[in-house]
N, C-alpha and C. Protein backbone atom coordinates (compact mmCIF):
# COMPACT_ATOMS: atom_id res chain seq x y z
N MET A 1 4.61 -8.88 55.95
CA MET A 1 4.79 -8.84 57.38
C MET A 1 5.00 -10.26 57.90
N LEU A 2 6.04 -10.44 58.66
CA LEU A 2 6.36 -11.75 59.20
C LEU A 2 5.56 -12.03 60.47
N THR A 3 5.18 -13.29 60.63
CA THR A 3 4.47 -13.67 61.85
C THR A 3 5.47 -13.87 62.98
N THR A 4 4.97 -13.97 64.18
CA THR A 4 5.82 -14.20 65.35
C THR A 4 6.52 -15.55 65.25
N GLU A 5 5.82 -16.54 64.72
CA GLU A 5 6.41 -17.87 64.57
C GLU A 5 7.59 -17.84 63.59
N GLN A 6 7.43 -17.13 62.48
CA GLN A 6 8.52 -17.01 61.51
C GLN A 6 9.74 -16.33 62.14
N LYS A 7 9.50 -15.26 62.87
CA LYS A 7 10.59 -14.55 63.52
C LYS A 7 11.29 -15.43 64.55
N LEU A 8 10.51 -16.19 65.31
CA LEU A 8 11.08 -17.07 66.32
C LEU A 8 11.92 -18.17 65.68
N LEU A 9 11.41 -18.80 64.63
CA LEU A 9 12.16 -19.85 63.96
C LEU A 9 13.45 -19.33 63.34
N CYS A 10 13.38 -18.15 62.73
CA CYS A 10 14.60 -17.54 62.16
C CYS A 10 15.59 -17.21 63.26
N GLY A 11 15.09 -16.71 64.38
CA GLY A 11 15.97 -16.39 65.51
C GLY A 11 16.66 -17.62 66.07
N VAL A 12 15.94 -18.71 66.20
CA VAL A 12 16.55 -19.95 66.69
C VAL A 12 17.58 -20.46 65.70
N ALA A 13 17.29 -20.35 64.42
CA ALA A 13 18.25 -20.81 63.40
C ALA A 13 19.54 -19.99 63.46
N HIS A 14 19.42 -18.69 63.59
CA HIS A 14 20.61 -17.84 63.60
C HIS A 14 21.38 -17.93 64.91
N LEU A 15 20.70 -18.16 66.00
CA LEU A 15 21.38 -18.23 67.29
C LEU A 15 21.49 -19.66 67.82
N GLY A 16 21.62 -20.62 66.94
CA GLY A 16 21.76 -22.01 67.37
C GLY A 16 23.03 -22.25 68.17
N TRP A 17 24.05 -21.44 67.96
CA TRP A 17 25.31 -21.61 68.68
C TRP A 17 25.16 -21.28 70.15
N VAL A 18 24.16 -20.50 70.51
CA VAL A 18 23.96 -20.13 71.92
C VAL A 18 23.54 -21.35 72.73
N VAL A 19 22.72 -22.21 72.15
CA VAL A 19 22.26 -23.40 72.86
C VAL A 19 23.16 -24.60 72.60
N GLY A 20 24.27 -24.38 71.94
CA GLY A 20 25.23 -25.45 71.70
C GLY A 20 24.94 -26.31 70.49
N ALA A 21 24.08 -25.86 69.60
CA ALA A 21 23.74 -26.62 68.40
C ALA A 21 23.89 -25.73 67.17
N PRO A 22 25.12 -25.31 66.83
CA PRO A 22 25.28 -24.37 65.72
C PRO A 22 24.89 -24.96 64.37
N ILE A 23 24.97 -26.28 64.22
CA ILE A 23 24.60 -26.89 62.95
C ILE A 23 23.22 -27.56 63.06
N LEU A 24 22.94 -28.15 64.19
CA LEU A 24 21.71 -28.91 64.36
C LEU A 24 20.46 -28.03 64.34
N ALA A 25 20.49 -26.90 65.00
CA ALA A 25 19.30 -26.03 65.07
C ALA A 25 18.87 -25.53 63.69
N PRO A 26 19.77 -24.92 62.90
CA PRO A 26 19.31 -24.47 61.58
C PRO A 26 18.95 -25.62 60.64
N LEU A 27 19.63 -26.77 60.80
CA LEU A 27 19.33 -27.92 59.95
C LEU A 27 17.92 -28.44 60.21
N ILE A 28 17.55 -28.57 61.47
CA ILE A 28 16.20 -29.05 61.81
C ILE A 28 15.15 -28.06 61.33
N ILE A 29 15.40 -26.78 61.53
CA ILE A 29 14.43 -25.76 61.09
C ILE A 29 14.31 -25.75 59.57
N MET A 30 15.45 -25.90 58.88
CA MET A 30 15.43 -25.89 57.42
C MET A 30 14.62 -27.09 56.89
N LEU A 31 14.76 -28.25 57.52
CA LEU A 31 14.07 -29.44 57.05
C LEU A 31 12.59 -29.46 57.42
N LEU A 32 12.22 -28.87 58.54
CA LEU A 32 10.83 -28.96 59.01
C LEU A 32 9.97 -27.74 58.70
N ALA A 33 10.56 -26.62 58.38
CA ALA A 33 9.78 -25.41 58.15
C ALA A 33 9.01 -25.51 56.83
N GLY A 34 7.82 -24.99 56.84
CA GLY A 34 7.01 -24.99 55.64
C GLY A 34 7.11 -23.70 54.84
N ASP A 35 7.66 -22.68 55.45
CA ASP A 35 7.75 -21.36 54.83
C ASP A 35 9.08 -21.19 54.12
N SER A 36 9.06 -20.64 52.92
CA SER A 36 10.30 -20.48 52.15
C SER A 36 11.23 -19.43 52.77
N PHE A 37 10.66 -18.39 53.38
CA PHE A 37 11.49 -17.37 54.02
C PHE A 37 12.29 -17.97 55.17
N VAL A 38 11.63 -18.76 55.99
CA VAL A 38 12.29 -19.40 57.14
C VAL A 38 13.34 -20.39 56.65
N LYS A 39 13.02 -21.14 55.60
CA LYS A 39 13.98 -22.10 55.04
C LYS A 39 15.22 -21.39 54.52
N ASN A 40 15.04 -20.28 53.83
CA ASN A 40 16.19 -19.53 53.31
C ASN A 40 17.05 -19.00 54.45
N GLN A 41 16.43 -18.48 55.48
CA GLN A 41 17.20 -17.95 56.61
C GLN A 41 17.93 -19.08 57.34
N ALA A 42 17.28 -20.23 57.50
CA ALA A 42 17.93 -21.37 58.15
C ALA A 42 19.08 -21.89 57.30
N LYS A 43 18.90 -21.89 55.99
CA LYS A 43 19.95 -22.34 55.08
C LYS A 43 21.17 -21.43 55.18
N GLU A 44 20.94 -20.13 55.24
CA GLU A 44 22.05 -19.20 55.36
C GLU A 44 22.74 -19.31 56.72
N ALA A 45 21.95 -19.50 57.77
CA ALA A 45 22.54 -19.67 59.10
C ALA A 45 23.37 -20.94 59.16
N LEU A 46 22.88 -22.00 58.54
CA LEU A 46 23.62 -23.26 58.51
C LEU A 46 24.93 -23.11 57.77
N ALA A 47 24.90 -22.47 56.61
CA ALA A 47 26.13 -22.27 55.84
C ALA A 47 27.12 -21.39 56.59
N PHE A 48 26.62 -20.37 57.26
CA PHE A 48 27.50 -19.49 58.03
C PHE A 48 28.17 -20.24 59.16
N GLN A 49 27.40 -21.05 59.88
CA GLN A 49 27.97 -21.79 61.01
C GLN A 49 28.95 -22.85 60.55
N ILE A 50 28.66 -23.55 59.45
CA ILE A 50 29.61 -24.53 58.92
C ILE A 50 30.89 -23.83 58.49
N GLY A 51 30.75 -22.70 57.83
CA GLY A 51 31.93 -21.93 57.43
C GLY A 51 32.74 -21.46 58.62
N ALA A 52 32.07 -21.04 59.67
CA ALA A 52 32.78 -20.58 60.88
C ALA A 52 33.52 -21.73 61.55
N ILE A 53 32.93 -22.91 61.56
CA ILE A 53 33.60 -24.06 62.16
C ILE A 53 34.83 -24.46 61.35
N ILE A 54 34.69 -24.47 60.04
CA ILE A 54 35.83 -24.81 59.17
C ILE A 54 36.95 -23.78 59.33
N LEU A 55 36.59 -22.50 59.30
CA LEU A 55 37.61 -21.46 59.47
C LEU A 55 38.24 -21.54 60.86
N GLY A 56 37.46 -21.86 61.87
CA GLY A 56 38.00 -22.00 63.22
C GLY A 56 39.04 -23.10 63.29
N ALA A 57 38.79 -24.21 62.61
CA ALA A 57 39.76 -25.30 62.59
C ALA A 57 41.03 -24.89 61.85
N ILE A 58 40.88 -24.20 60.74
CA ILE A 58 42.05 -23.75 59.98
C ILE A 58 42.86 -22.74 60.79
N PHE A 59 42.17 -21.79 61.41
CA PHE A 59 42.87 -20.78 62.20
C PHE A 59 43.53 -21.38 63.44
N ALA A 60 42.92 -22.43 64.00
CA ALA A 60 43.52 -23.10 65.16
C ALA A 60 44.84 -23.75 64.77
N VAL A 61 44.88 -24.34 63.60
CA VAL A 61 46.14 -24.92 63.11
C VAL A 61 47.16 -23.82 62.85
N LEU A 62 46.70 -22.70 62.32
CA LEU A 62 47.61 -21.58 62.05
C LEU A 62 48.09 -20.90 63.33
N SER A 63 47.46 -21.19 64.45
CA SER A 63 47.90 -20.61 65.72
C SER A 63 49.29 -21.10 66.11
N ILE A 64 49.67 -22.22 65.56
CA ILE A 64 51.02 -22.73 65.82
C ILE A 64 52.07 -21.73 65.34
N VAL A 65 51.77 -21.06 64.23
CA VAL A 65 52.69 -20.06 63.69
C VAL A 65 52.34 -18.66 64.16
N LEU A 66 51.44 -18.56 65.09
CA LEU A 66 51.00 -17.32 65.74
C LEU A 66 50.16 -16.41 64.86
N ILE A 67 50.03 -16.68 63.58
CA ILE A 67 49.17 -15.83 62.74
C ILE A 67 47.70 -16.16 62.97
N GLY A 68 47.42 -17.37 63.46
CA GLY A 68 46.04 -17.79 63.67
C GLY A 68 45.37 -17.15 64.86
N ILE A 69 46.15 -16.65 65.81
CA ILE A 69 45.55 -16.08 67.02
C ILE A 69 44.71 -14.84 66.72
N PRO A 70 45.23 -13.84 65.99
CA PRO A 70 44.34 -12.71 65.67
C PRO A 70 43.20 -13.09 64.73
N LEU A 71 43.46 -14.08 63.88
CA LEU A 71 42.38 -14.52 62.99
C LEU A 71 41.27 -15.21 63.79
N LEU A 72 41.64 -15.98 64.80
CA LEU A 72 40.64 -16.61 65.67
C LEU A 72 39.84 -15.56 66.44
N MET A 73 40.51 -14.51 66.88
CA MET A 73 39.80 -13.44 67.59
C MET A 73 38.81 -12.73 66.67
N ALA A 74 39.23 -12.47 65.44
CA ALA A 74 38.33 -11.82 64.47
C ALA A 74 37.15 -12.74 64.14
N LEU A 75 37.42 -14.02 64.00
CA LEU A 75 36.35 -14.98 63.71
C LEU A 75 35.37 -15.06 64.88
N ALA A 76 35.88 -15.09 66.08
CA ALA A 76 35.01 -15.13 67.26
C ALA A 76 34.12 -13.90 67.33
N LEU A 77 34.69 -12.75 67.03
CA LEU A 77 33.91 -11.51 67.04
C LEU A 77 32.84 -11.54 65.95
N GLY A 78 33.20 -12.03 64.77
CA GLY A 78 32.25 -12.11 63.67
C GLY A 78 31.12 -13.09 63.94
N THR A 79 31.46 -14.24 64.53
CA THR A 79 30.42 -15.23 64.81
C THR A 79 29.54 -14.81 65.98
N LEU A 80 29.97 -13.84 66.73
CA LEU A 80 29.14 -13.31 67.80
C LEU A 80 28.22 -12.20 67.28
N ILE A 81 28.75 -11.31 66.47
CA ILE A 81 28.01 -10.12 66.04
C ILE A 81 27.08 -10.38 64.85
N LEU A 82 27.55 -11.10 63.83
CA LEU A 82 26.74 -11.25 62.61
C LEU A 82 25.40 -11.97 62.84
N PRO A 83 25.33 -13.04 63.64
CA PRO A 83 24.00 -13.62 63.88
C PRO A 83 23.05 -12.69 64.64
N ILE A 84 23.59 -11.87 65.51
CA ILE A 84 22.74 -10.90 66.22
C ILE A 84 22.19 -9.86 65.24
N ILE A 85 23.04 -9.41 64.33
CA ILE A 85 22.57 -8.48 63.28
C ILE A 85 21.50 -9.15 62.44
N ALA A 86 21.71 -10.43 62.12
CA ALA A 86 20.73 -11.17 61.32
C ALA A 86 19.38 -11.22 62.01
N ILE A 87 19.37 -11.46 63.30
CA ILE A 87 18.11 -11.54 64.04
C ILE A 87 17.41 -10.19 64.07
N VAL A 88 18.16 -9.14 64.28
CA VAL A 88 17.56 -7.80 64.31
C VAL A 88 16.94 -7.47 62.95
N LYS A 89 17.66 -7.80 61.88
CA LYS A 89 17.13 -7.52 60.53
C LYS A 89 15.88 -8.35 60.25
N VAL A 90 15.92 -9.64 60.61
CA VAL A 90 14.76 -10.50 60.36
C VAL A 90 13.56 -10.03 61.17
N CYS A 91 13.77 -9.60 62.40
CA CYS A 91 12.65 -9.10 63.21
C CYS A 91 12.06 -7.82 62.64
N ASP A 92 12.87 -7.08 61.87
CA ASP A 92 12.36 -5.89 61.19
C ASP A 92 11.70 -6.24 59.85
N GLY A 93 11.73 -7.53 59.48
CA GLY A 93 11.10 -7.96 58.24
C GLY A 93 12.01 -7.90 57.03
N ILE A 94 13.31 -7.73 57.24
CA ILE A 94 14.27 -7.64 56.15
C ILE A 94 14.87 -9.02 55.90
N ASP A 95 14.95 -9.41 54.64
CA ASP A 95 15.55 -10.69 54.27
C ASP A 95 17.06 -10.55 54.35
N TYR A 96 17.66 -10.97 55.46
CA TYR A 96 19.09 -10.77 55.72
C TYR A 96 19.92 -11.85 55.04
N SER A 97 21.07 -11.43 54.54
CA SER A 97 22.02 -12.34 53.93
C SER A 97 23.39 -12.06 54.51
N TYR A 98 24.09 -13.11 54.97
CA TYR A 98 25.42 -12.93 55.55
C TYR A 98 26.38 -12.39 54.48
N PRO A 99 27.37 -11.59 54.90
CA PRO A 99 28.25 -10.93 53.93
C PRO A 99 28.98 -11.86 52.95
N ILE A 100 29.52 -12.96 53.41
CA ILE A 100 30.32 -13.81 52.51
C ILE A 100 29.54 -15.04 52.08
N THR A 101 29.04 -15.81 53.02
CA THR A 101 28.39 -17.07 52.67
C THR A 101 27.00 -16.87 52.09
N GLY A 102 26.34 -15.79 52.42
CA GLY A 102 24.97 -15.57 51.97
C GLY A 102 24.82 -15.50 50.48
N LYS A 103 25.66 -14.75 49.79
CA LYS A 103 25.58 -14.62 48.34
C LYS A 103 25.85 -15.97 47.67
N PHE A 104 26.83 -16.69 48.18
CA PHE A 104 27.17 -18.01 47.62
C PHE A 104 25.99 -18.97 47.76
N ILE A 105 25.38 -18.99 48.92
CA ILE A 105 24.27 -19.90 49.18
C ILE A 105 23.05 -19.53 48.34
N ARG A 106 22.75 -18.26 48.26
CA ARG A 106 21.58 -17.84 47.46
C ARG A 106 21.77 -18.12 45.98
N ASP A 107 22.99 -18.00 45.48
CA ASP A 107 23.24 -18.23 44.06
C ASP A 107 23.31 -19.71 43.69
N ASN A 108 23.79 -20.54 44.60
CA ASN A 108 24.06 -21.93 44.26
C ASN A 108 23.09 -22.95 44.85
N PHE A 109 22.39 -22.60 45.90
CA PHE A 109 21.50 -23.60 46.51
C PHE A 109 20.12 -23.07 46.61
């Protein structure tokens, strides 16, 4: 059973983009948290946000050829919905992993 503090820290890590710190919030939580569950969730949130920023830059360049516009819309929808799903799962006590970046992060870091 997760404590309220663990749930709060995981929630801040996953929703760092809401307060304008998509990389800073999970990074600070990952470095300062003493709990391995919170560290893993912050690590996954950090990797997801870095991946979203990189893909956003690539899709923005591809917008010149018009193929990037629907890709940017899909990315925006994913970066809005997936962290909310992550918070709901973590609040239920489930160790959530993002669909693409989560497996890579858990296997390699």
